[in-house]
Protein backbone atom coordinates (compact mmCIF):
# COMPACT_ATOMS: atom_id res chain seq x y z
CA MET A 1 39.63 -32.42 -35.38
CA VAL A 2 35.97 -33.46 -35.10
CA VAL A 3 34.84 -37.03 -34.46
CA ASP A 4 31.62 -36.67 -36.48
CA SER A 5 31.02 -34.35 -39.43
CA ARG A 6 27.52 -35.48 -40.43
CA LEU A 7 25.77 -32.30 -39.21
CA TYR A 8 28.21 -30.13 -41.14
CA THR A 9 27.45 -32.20 -44.25
CA ILE A 10 23.69 -31.71 -43.80
CA LEU A 11 24.21 -27.93 -43.74
CA GLY A 12 26.79 -28.08 -46.53
CA VAL A 13 29.59 -26.37 -44.59
CA SER A 14 33.02 -27.40 -43.37
CA PRO A 15 33.76 -28.18 -39.68
CA THR A 16 35.74 -24.93 -39.51
CA ALA A 17 32.82 -22.77 -40.65
CA SER A 18 32.01 -19.66 -38.61
CA ARG A 19 28.65 -19.08 -36.94
CA LYS A 20 27.76 -16.60 -39.66
CA GLU A 21 28.52 -19.13 -42.38
CA ILE A 22 26.49 -21.79 -40.58
CA ARG A 23 23.48 -19.49 -40.30
CA LYS A 24 23.72 -18.42 -43.93
CA ALA A 25 23.89 -22.05 -45.07
CA PHE A 26 20.92 -22.96 -42.89
CA MET A 27 18.75 -20.16 -44.29
CA LYS A 28 19.53 -21.27 -47.84
CA LYS A 29 18.92 -24.96 -47.16
CA ALA A 30 15.75 -24.23 -45.20
CA GLN A 31 14.27 -22.37 -48.15
CA GLU A 32 15.14 -25.24 -50.47
CA THR A 33 13.88 -28.10 -48.27
CA HIS A 34 10.84 -26.52 -46.60
CA PRO A 35 7.86 -28.94 -46.89
CA ASP A 36 5.61 -26.17 -48.21
CA LYS A 37 7.89 -25.78 -51.20
CA ASN A 38 8.16 -29.53 -51.77
CA PRO A 39 4.60 -30.84 -51.36
CA ASN A 40 5.24 -33.85 -53.61
CA ASP A 41 8.44 -34.95 -51.87
CA PRO A 42 7.65 -37.53 -49.12
CA THR A 43 11.11 -37.02 -47.60
CA ALA A 44 10.84 -33.22 -47.37
CA THR A 45 9.59 -33.21 -43.76
CA GLU A 46 12.29 -35.60 -42.61
CA ARG A 47 15.05 -33.64 -44.37
CA PHE A 48 13.72 -30.38 -42.92
CA GLN A 49 13.76 -31.90 -39.41
CA GLU A 50 17.36 -33.06 -39.89
CA LEU A 51 18.28 -29.56 -41.01
CA ASN A 52 16.66 -28.04 -37.90
CA GLU A 53 18.42 -30.50 -35.63
CA ALA A 54 21.80 -29.79 -37.25
CA TYR A 55 21.33 -26.04 -36.97
CA ASN A 56 20.10 -26.23 -33.33
CA ILE A 57 23.33 -27.95 -32.33
CA LEU A 58 25.88 -26.11 -34.48
CA LYS A 59 24.55 -22.60 -33.77
CA ASP A 60 25.18 -23.12 -30.03
CA GLU A 61 28.87 -22.89 -29.12
CA ILE A 62 28.59 -25.28 -26.15
CA LYS A 63 26.56 -27.89 -28.04
CA ARG A 64 28.86 -27.58 -31.06
CA ALA A 65 31.95 -28.18 -28.91
CA GLN A 66 30.25 -31.19 -27.34
CA TYR A 67 29.35 -32.57 -30.78
CA ASP A 68 32.87 -32.01 -32.13
CA LYS A 69 34.45 -33.88 -29.20
CA PHE A 70 31.97 -36.68 -28.59
CA GLY A 71 29.61 -36.91 -31.59
CA MET A 72 25.82 -37.23 -31.68
CA GLY A 73 25.81 -40.00 -29.09
CA SER A 74 26.75 -37.46 -26.43
CA PHE A 75 23.25 -35.93 -26.62
CA ASN A 76 21.81 -39.16 -25.30
CA LYS A 77 21.03 -38.61 -21.57
CA ASN A 78 22.68 -41.95 -20.74
CA TYR A 79 25.91 -41.10 -22.56
CA ASP A 80 29.07 -41.54 -20.45
CA TYR A 81 31.10 -38.37 -21.15
CA PHE A 82 33.87 -39.06 -18.69
CA ASN A 83 34.76 -42.60 -19.68
CA THR A 84 34.52 -41.70 -23.37
CA PHE A 85 36.85 -38.74 -22.91
CA PHE A 86 39.43 -40.68 -20.88
CA ALA A 87 39.20 -43.68 -23.20
CA ARG A 88 40.15 -41.45 -26.11
CA ILE A 89 43.22 -40.25 -24.22
CA PHE A 90 44.31 -43.36 -22.32
CA GLY A 91 42.51 -46.17 -24.13
CA THR A 92 40.12 -48.41 -22.19
CA PHE A 93 39.97 -47.25 -18.58
CA GLU A 94 37.42 -49.48 -16.95
CA SER A 95 38.30 -48.50 -13.40
CA PHE A 96 37.55 -44.80 -13.93
CA ASN A 97 34.09 -45.12 -12.37
CA THR A 98 35.72 -46.58 -9.27
CA TYR A 99 37.29 -43.18 -8.55
CA PHE A 100 34.81 -40.82 -10.19
CA SER A 101 31.20 -41.96 -10.19
CA PRO A 102 28.94 -39.05 -11.19
CA THR A 103 25.50 -39.33 -9.65
CA ARG A 104 22.45 -38.23 -11.52
CA THR A 105 19.90 -36.33 -9.40
CA ARG A 106 16.33 -36.11 -10.59
CA PRO A 107 14.50 -32.80 -10.43
CA ARG A 108 12.27 -32.32 -7.40
CA THR A 109 8.81 -30.83 -7.24
CA LYS A 110 8.38 -27.64 -5.25
CA ASP A 111 7.57 -27.99 -1.56
CA LEU A 112 3.91 -27.37 -0.78
CA GLU A 113 3.68 -24.67 1.93
CA ILE A 114 0.32 -24.21 3.65
CA GLU A 115 -0.79 -22.07 6.61
CA PHE A 116 -2.12 -24.35 9.36
CA LYS A 117 -4.44 -22.52 11.77
CA CYS A 118 -4.58 -23.94 15.31
CA SER A 119 -6.57 -22.93 18.37
CA LEU A 120 -4.74 -22.04 21.57
CA GLU A 121 -6.30 -25.09 23.23
CA VAL A 122 -4.74 -27.42 20.62
CA LEU A 123 -1.33 -25.74 20.98
CA TYR A 124 -1.61 -26.14 24.77
CA THR A 125 -2.55 -29.82 24.91
CA GLY A 126 -1.12 -31.10 21.61
CA ARG A 127 -3.02 -33.36 19.25
CA VAL A 128 -2.83 -35.71 16.28
CA HIS A 129 -4.94 -33.98 13.64
CA ASN A 130 -6.19 -35.50 10.37
CA TYR A 131 -5.35 -32.81 7.82
CA LYS A 132 -7.40 -32.93 4.62
CA LEU A 133 -4.90 -32.44 1.79
CA THR A 134 -5.70 -32.00 -1.91
CA ARG A 135 -2.76 -32.43 -4.28
CA ASN A 136 -1.72 -33.79 -7.69
CA VAL A 137 -0.54 -37.40 -7.80
CA ILE A 138 0.71 -39.48 -10.73
CA CYS A 139 -2.15 -41.22 -12.50
CA SER A 140 -2.23 -44.87 -11.43
CA SER A 141 -3.92 -45.92 -14.65
CA CYS A 142 -1.21 -44.74 -17.07
CA GLN A 143 1.74 -44.56 -14.61
CA GLY A 144 2.27 -40.90 -15.52
CA TYR A 145 2.62 -41.36 -19.30
CA GLY A 146 -0.80 -39.93 -20.13
CA THR A 147 -1.51 -42.73 -22.62
CA LYS A 148 -4.29 -45.28 -22.80
CA ASN A 149 -1.90 -48.24 -22.91
CA GLY A 150 0.26 -46.94 -20.05
CA ARG A 151 3.40 -46.79 -22.17
CA LYS A 152 5.71 -43.92 -23.01
CA PRO A 153 4.44 -42.18 -26.15
CA PRO A 154 6.75 -41.85 -29.18
CA LYS A 155 8.56 -38.61 -29.93
CA CYS A 156 6.90 -36.12 -32.21
CA SER A 157 8.38 -36.74 -35.66
CA PHE A 158 7.90 -33.15 -36.73
CA CYS A 159 10.10 -31.53 -34.04
CA ASP A 160 12.05 -34.66 -33.05
CA GLY A 161 10.83 -34.35 -29.48
CA THR A 162 12.10 -30.81 -28.86
CA GLY A 163 8.66 -29.21 -28.85
CA GLN A 164 9.93 -26.39 -31.10
CA ILE A 165 10.67 -25.88 -34.77
CA HIS A 166 12.34 -23.17 -36.83
CA ASN A 167 9.84 -21.21 -38.87
CA ILE A 168 11.37 -19.67 -42.00
CA THR A 169 9.44 -16.82 -43.58
CA ASN A 170 10.29 -14.89 -46.73
CA ARG A 171 9.91 -11.14 -46.33
CA GLY A 172 10.86 -9.77 -49.70
CA SER A 173 14.56 -10.34 -50.11
CA ILE A 174 15.03 -11.26 -46.44
CA LEU A 175 14.57 -14.68 -44.88
CA ALA A 176 13.43 -14.51 -41.24
CA ASP A 177 14.14 -17.39 -38.85
CA ALA A 178 12.01 -17.75 -35.71
CA THR A 179 11.72 -20.57 -33.16
CA VAL A 180 8.07 -21.42 -32.60
CA THR A 181 6.06 -24.05 -30.75
CA CYS A 182 5.64 -27.20 -32.75
CA PRO A 183 2.10 -27.19 -34.22
CA ASN A 184 2.03 -30.97 -34.39
CA CYS A 185 2.58 -31.72 -30.66
CA PHE A 186 1.80 -28.24 -29.25
CA GLY A 187 5.19 -28.06 -27.54
CA THR A 188 4.94 -31.38 -25.69
CA GLY A 189 7.56 -33.12 -27.85
CA ILE A 190 5.51 -36.31 -28.02
CA LYS A 191 3.14 -37.82 -30.52
CA LYS A 192 -0.22 -38.25 -28.87
CA SER A 193 -3.73 -38.10 -30.28
CA ARG A 194 -6.90 -37.71 -28.23
CA SER A 195 -7.81 -41.32 -28.91
CA ASP A 196 -4.50 -42.40 -27.34
CA MET A 197 -5.00 -40.38 -24.15
CA CYS A 198 -5.52 -42.02 -20.77
CA PRO A 199 -9.26 -41.84 -20.01
CA LYS A 200 -8.62 -41.34 -16.28
CA CYS A 201 -6.27 -38.31 -16.38
CA GLU A 202 -7.19 -37.20 -19.94
CA GLY A 203 -3.53 -37.08 -20.87
CA HIS A 204 -2.47 -34.77 -18.01
CA LYS A 205 -0.38 -37.54 -16.38
CA VAL A 206 -1.55 -36.49 -12.90
CA ILE A 207 -4.91 -36.38 -11.15
CA LYS A 208 -6.18 -34.46 -8.13
CA THR A 209 -6.79 -36.51 -5.02
CA THR A 210 -7.85 -35.69 -1.46
CA GLU A 211 -6.44 -37.64 1.46
CA ASN A 212 -6.26 -37.35 5.24
CA ILE A 213 -2.72 -36.79 6.50
CA PRO A 214 -2.07 -37.42 10.22
CA VAL A 215 -0.34 -34.33 11.62
CA THR A 216 1.22 -34.34 15.10
CA ILE A 217 0.93 -31.01 16.94
CA LEU A 218 3.24 -30.94 19.95
CA PRO A 219 2.27 -29.13 23.19
CA GLY A 220 3.73 -25.62 23.27
CA MET A 221 4.06 -25.09 19.52
CA LYS A 222 3.56 -21.50 18.42
CA SER A 223 2.98 -19.34 15.36
CA GLY A 224 5.82 -19.70 12.87
CA ASN A 225 6.70 -23.27 13.84
CA VAL A 226 6.58 -25.69 10.91
CA ILE A 227 5.54 -29.32 10.61
CA ILE A 228 7.20 -31.13 7.70
CA ILE A 229 5.52 -34.17 6.13
CA PRO A 230 8.06 -35.75 3.72
CA GLU A 231 7.10 -36.38 0.09
CA LYS A 232 3.53 -35.10 0.36
CA SER A 233 3.79 -32.24 -2.13
CA ASN A 234 2.44 -32.40 -5.69
CA GLN A 235 3.79 -35.22 -7.85
CA LEU A 236 5.16 -35.06 -11.39
CA PRO A 237 6.45 -37.86 -13.63
CA GLU A 238 10.24 -38.33 -13.52
CA HIS A 239 10.46 -36.02 -10.47
CA ASP A 240 11.16 -36.68 -6.83
CA THR A 241 8.29 -35.45 -4.68
CA GLY A 242 8.78 -32.39 -2.47
CA ASP A 243 7.58 -32.05 1.12
CA LEU A 244 4.38 -30.75 2.64
CA ILE A 245 5.25 -27.87 4.99
CA LEU A 246 2.54 -26.77 7.41
CA ARG A 247 3.27 -23.36 8.95
CA ILE A 248 1.39 -22.90 12.24
CA ILE A 249 -0.79 -19.83 12.63
CA GLU A 250 -2.24 -19.34 16.13
CA LYS A 251 -5.89 -18.33 16.19
CA PRO A 252 -6.83 -15.43 18.52
CA HIS A 253 -8.42 -16.59 21.79
CA GLU A 254 -11.43 -14.94 23.37
CA LYS A 255 -9.98 -14.99 26.92
CA PHE A 256 -6.23 -15.61 26.89
CA LYS A 257 -3.49 -13.69 25.15
CA ARG A 258 -0.17 -15.46 24.60
CA ASN A 259 3.28 -13.91 25.03
CA LYS A 260 5.88 -16.57 24.16
CA ASP A 261 5.38 -19.20 26.91
CA ASN A 262 3.25 -17.00 29.19
CA LEU A 263 -0.48 -16.33 29.16
CA MET A 264 -2.32 -13.11 30.03
CA LEU A 265 -5.92 -12.98 31.24
CA HIS A 266 -7.89 -9.76 31.80
CA HIS A 267 -10.50 -9.73 34.56
CA THR A 268 -12.79 -6.95 35.78
CA LEU A 269 -13.61 -6.60 39.50
CA THR A 270 -16.47 -4.75 41.10
CA LEU A 271 -15.65 -1.97 43.55
CA THR A 272 -16.67 -4.26 46.41
CA GLU A 273 -14.32 -7.04 45.20
CA ALA A 274 -11.48 -4.57 44.77
CA LEU A 275 -11.91 -3.35 48.35
CA SER A 276 -12.89 -6.48 50.26
CA GLY A 277 -11.35 -9.26 48.17
CA TYR A 278 -12.38 -11.71 45.50
CA ASN A 279 -12.65 -15.40 44.63
CA LEU A 280 -12.06 -16.32 40.98
CA LYS A 281 -12.62 -19.59 39.19
CA VAL A 282 -10.45 -19.63 36.04
CA GLU A 283 -10.90 -22.40 33.47
CA THR A 284 -7.57 -23.39 31.92
CA LEU A 285 -6.95 -24.35 28.30
CA ASP A 286 -6.98 -28.04 29.18
CA GLY A 287 -10.33 -27.85 31.02
CA ARG A 288 -9.10 -27.63 34.64
CA PHE A 289 -10.33 -24.95 37.07
CA LEU A 290 -8.07 -22.74 39.17
CA ASP A 291 -9.44 -21.27 42.42
CA ILE A 292 -7.76 -17.89 42.90
CA ALA A 293 -8.54 -15.83 46.02
CA GLN A 294 -7.36 -12.50 47.44
CA HIS A 295 -8.75 -11.07 50.69
CA GLU A 296 -5.73 -9.46 52.30
CA LYS A 297 -5.29 -6.22 50.40
CA THR A 298 -6.96 -3.81 48.05
CA THR A 299 -6.74 -4.52 44.32
CA ARG A 300 -6.19 -1.42 42.24
CA ASN A 301 -6.95 -0.77 38.61
CA GLY A 302 -4.07 -2.22 36.51
CA ASP A 303 -2.74 -4.59 39.21
CA ILE A 304 -1.31 -7.87 37.92
CA VAL A 305 -0.97 -11.19 39.76
CA ARG A 306 1.24 -14.07 38.62
CA ILE A 307 0.27 -17.75 38.82
CA PRO A 308 3.49 -19.76 38.33
CA GLY A 309 3.43 -22.81 36.07
CA GLU A 310 0.01 -22.20 34.54
CA GLY A 311 1.19 -20.76 31.23
CA MET A 312 1.95 -22.57 27.96
CA PRO A 313 4.03 -25.75 27.84
CA ILE A 314 7.67 -25.01 27.05
CA GLN A 315 8.99 -26.99 24.10
CA LYS A 316 11.92 -29.38 24.53
CA THR A 317 11.56 -29.47 28.33
CA ASN A 318 10.33 -32.13 30.72
CA GLY A 319 6.79 -30.76 31.06
CA GLU A 320 7.77 -27.25 32.20
CA LYS A 321 5.30 -24.41 31.65
CA GLY A 322 5.35 -20.65 31.58
CA ASP A 323 3.26 -18.48 33.91
CA LEU A 324 -0.29 -17.17 33.90
CA PHE A 325 -0.72 -13.44 34.53
CA ILE A 326 -4.07 -11.91 35.48
CA LYS A 327 -4.50 -8.17 34.94
CA PHE A 328 -7.32 -6.50 36.85
CA SER A 329 -9.47 -3.53 36.07
CA VAL A 330 -11.99 -2.08 38.52
CA ASN A 331 -15.49 -1.26 37.34
CA LEU A 332 -16.71 1.82 39.24
CA PRO A 333 -20.51 2.17 39.51
CA ASP A 334 -22.29 5.27 38.22
CA ARG A 335 -23.07 7.75 41.04
CA GLU A 336 -26.80 7.71 40.34
CA ASN A 337 -26.84 3.95 40.88
CA VAL A 338 -25.26 4.18 44.34
CA PRO A 339 -27.75 4.50 47.22
CA LYS A 340 -27.54 7.71 49.22
CA GLU A 341 -26.79 5.88 52.48
CA VAL A 342 -23.85 4.11 50.84
CA LEU A 343 -22.40 7.42 49.65
CA GLU A 344 -22.84 8.85 53.15
CA ALA A 345 -21.12 5.81 54.65
CA LEU A 346 -18.22 6.17 52.20
CA ASN A 347 -17.83 9.83 53.06
CA LEU A 348 -17.97 8.95 56.75
CA TYR A 349 -15.50 6.07 56.77
CA MET A 350 -13.39 7.03 53.75
CA PRO A 351 -13.58 10.79 53.54
CA PRO A 352 -11.81 12.37 50.55
CA GLU A 353 -8.65 14.31 51.21
CA LYS A 354 -9.18 18.07 51.32
CA PRO A 355 -6.45 20.18 49.69
CA ASP A 356 -5.07 23.27 51.46
CA PHE A 357 -6.25 26.42 49.67
CA SER A 358 -5.18 28.88 52.39
CA ASN A 359 -2.62 30.63 50.19
CA CYS A 360 -4.57 30.43 46.90
CA GLN A 361 -7.02 32.77 45.19
CA LEU A 362 -10.00 30.58 44.28
CA ILE A 363 -12.26 30.98 41.24
CA LYS A 364 -15.22 28.64 41.42
CA LYS A 365 -16.00 26.65 38.25
CA ILE A 366 -18.85 24.24 37.60
CA LEU A 367 -17.48 21.43 35.38
CA PRO A 368 -19.68 20.32 32.51
CA LYS A 369 -20.19 16.58 32.13
CA ILE A 370 -18.66 14.93 29.05
CA SER A 371 -20.81 12.00 28.15
CA SER A 372 -18.32 10.05 26.07
CA GLU A 373 -14.74 9.86 24.89
CA ASP A 374 -15.88 10.79 21.37
CA GLU A 375 -17.30 14.05 22.68
CA TYR A 376 -14.01 14.73 24.46
CA ASN A 377 -12.09 14.19 21.23
CA ARG A 378 -14.40 16.48 19.27
CA SER A 379 -14.11 19.18 21.93
CA THR A 380 -10.31 18.95 21.90
CA HIS A 381 -10.28 19.17 18.10
CA ARG A 382 -12.41 22.35 18.16
CA GLU A 383 -10.07 23.99 20.68
CA GLU A 384 -7.03 23.17 18.55
CA TYR A 385 -8.75 24.54 15.44
CA ASN A 386 -9.80 27.78 17.15
CA SER A 387 -6.28 28.24 18.52
CA SER A 388 -4.82 27.73 15.06
CA SER A 389 -7.27 30.20 13.53
CA ASP A 390 -6.42 32.87 16.12
CA ASN A 391 -2.70 32.60 15.38
CA SER A 392 -3.03 32.59 11.58
CA GLN A 393 -2.73 35.70 9.39
CA SER A 394 -5.66 37.00 7.31
CA ARG A 395 -5.76 38.91 4.02
CA THR A 396 -8.03 41.73 2.82
CA ASP A 397 -9.67 41.77 -0.60
CA ASP A 398 -6.76 43.76 -2.03
CA GLY A 399 -4.22 41.17 -0.83
CA CYS A 400 -2.87 43.01 2.21
CA ARG A 401 -1.97 40.84 5.20
CA ILE A 402 -3.58 41.52 8.59
CA GLY A 403 -2.02 40.12 11.77
């Protein structure tokens, strides 16, 4: 048993009609009441809209069941389904909301995620940074209605606020039904002319604004960390505002390379410094200077020294820091730039080790000088190619294989 049969009456079918019967009745009625076929009937548009509304509800099984149980009032967004349903079964049940109080949650705009590039110095010391943010906010002139008077515009009378209408076309003996965007409101569902639009937002309901957002960067933050600023995403009318999410991207540094909470610094020594010792003055990321000295042993190419507590700040600790590592390379001078007396002194005081060739047959070779790594690579490539060619098989003109 249905509580309201008005929509069935509009279509001219019984409440027990099948979906096929409902569609057939709609096609027939639509052809009869279409405004194009009744240009002199002032009620034709209204009757055609009622027909569309009835068909939109009854063709959908879920909407039809809702209409049969609760009537047209149930399609009002403020309709109380639960109390109506229980009242029909148990009579007035005022205390139902005491036990079951459904909460309505508004839709929420999408979070605004932005890459936030920071220098290593800022991530070391921390800082409050004024971030320049451009986003959409609800127009303050029309309060998000898009109208000149700042009030909610009326529903489009042609589509009854749905933004869509059923377009019936006659193709010979066949009537075709298609859902199309309402030409009167262009799918917005509201009646609004250009003269009624808000002059500030031009009817868009939101405007673009730029503001400075204070962003706190904590010492020790790293790439991938996020800073969340609540409710600073784009705004939309009748929506809760999402969050602004800044995802930290660490900029490459010209001197230091970061590895988690540690720092690596590369430094090149002269041959003299590698042999006799060195004094380094290293400027830290917060502007201090470290005096690092080594005069007790030789520093070899690739050696690494560790300076405890001079790395990056470690998050969620009481000021603890990682370590600073310094990796050395030794720059050897070109032979032609070394004075003869220095070479003689080196040979005298640090003579090279001489291998034992007493049991070997020696063939003397003069090594050619390779001027660059590129030349070495080209030479290696030629050797590989020649080796490959020697091992490959050849063919004569008549197709016979040689090899």
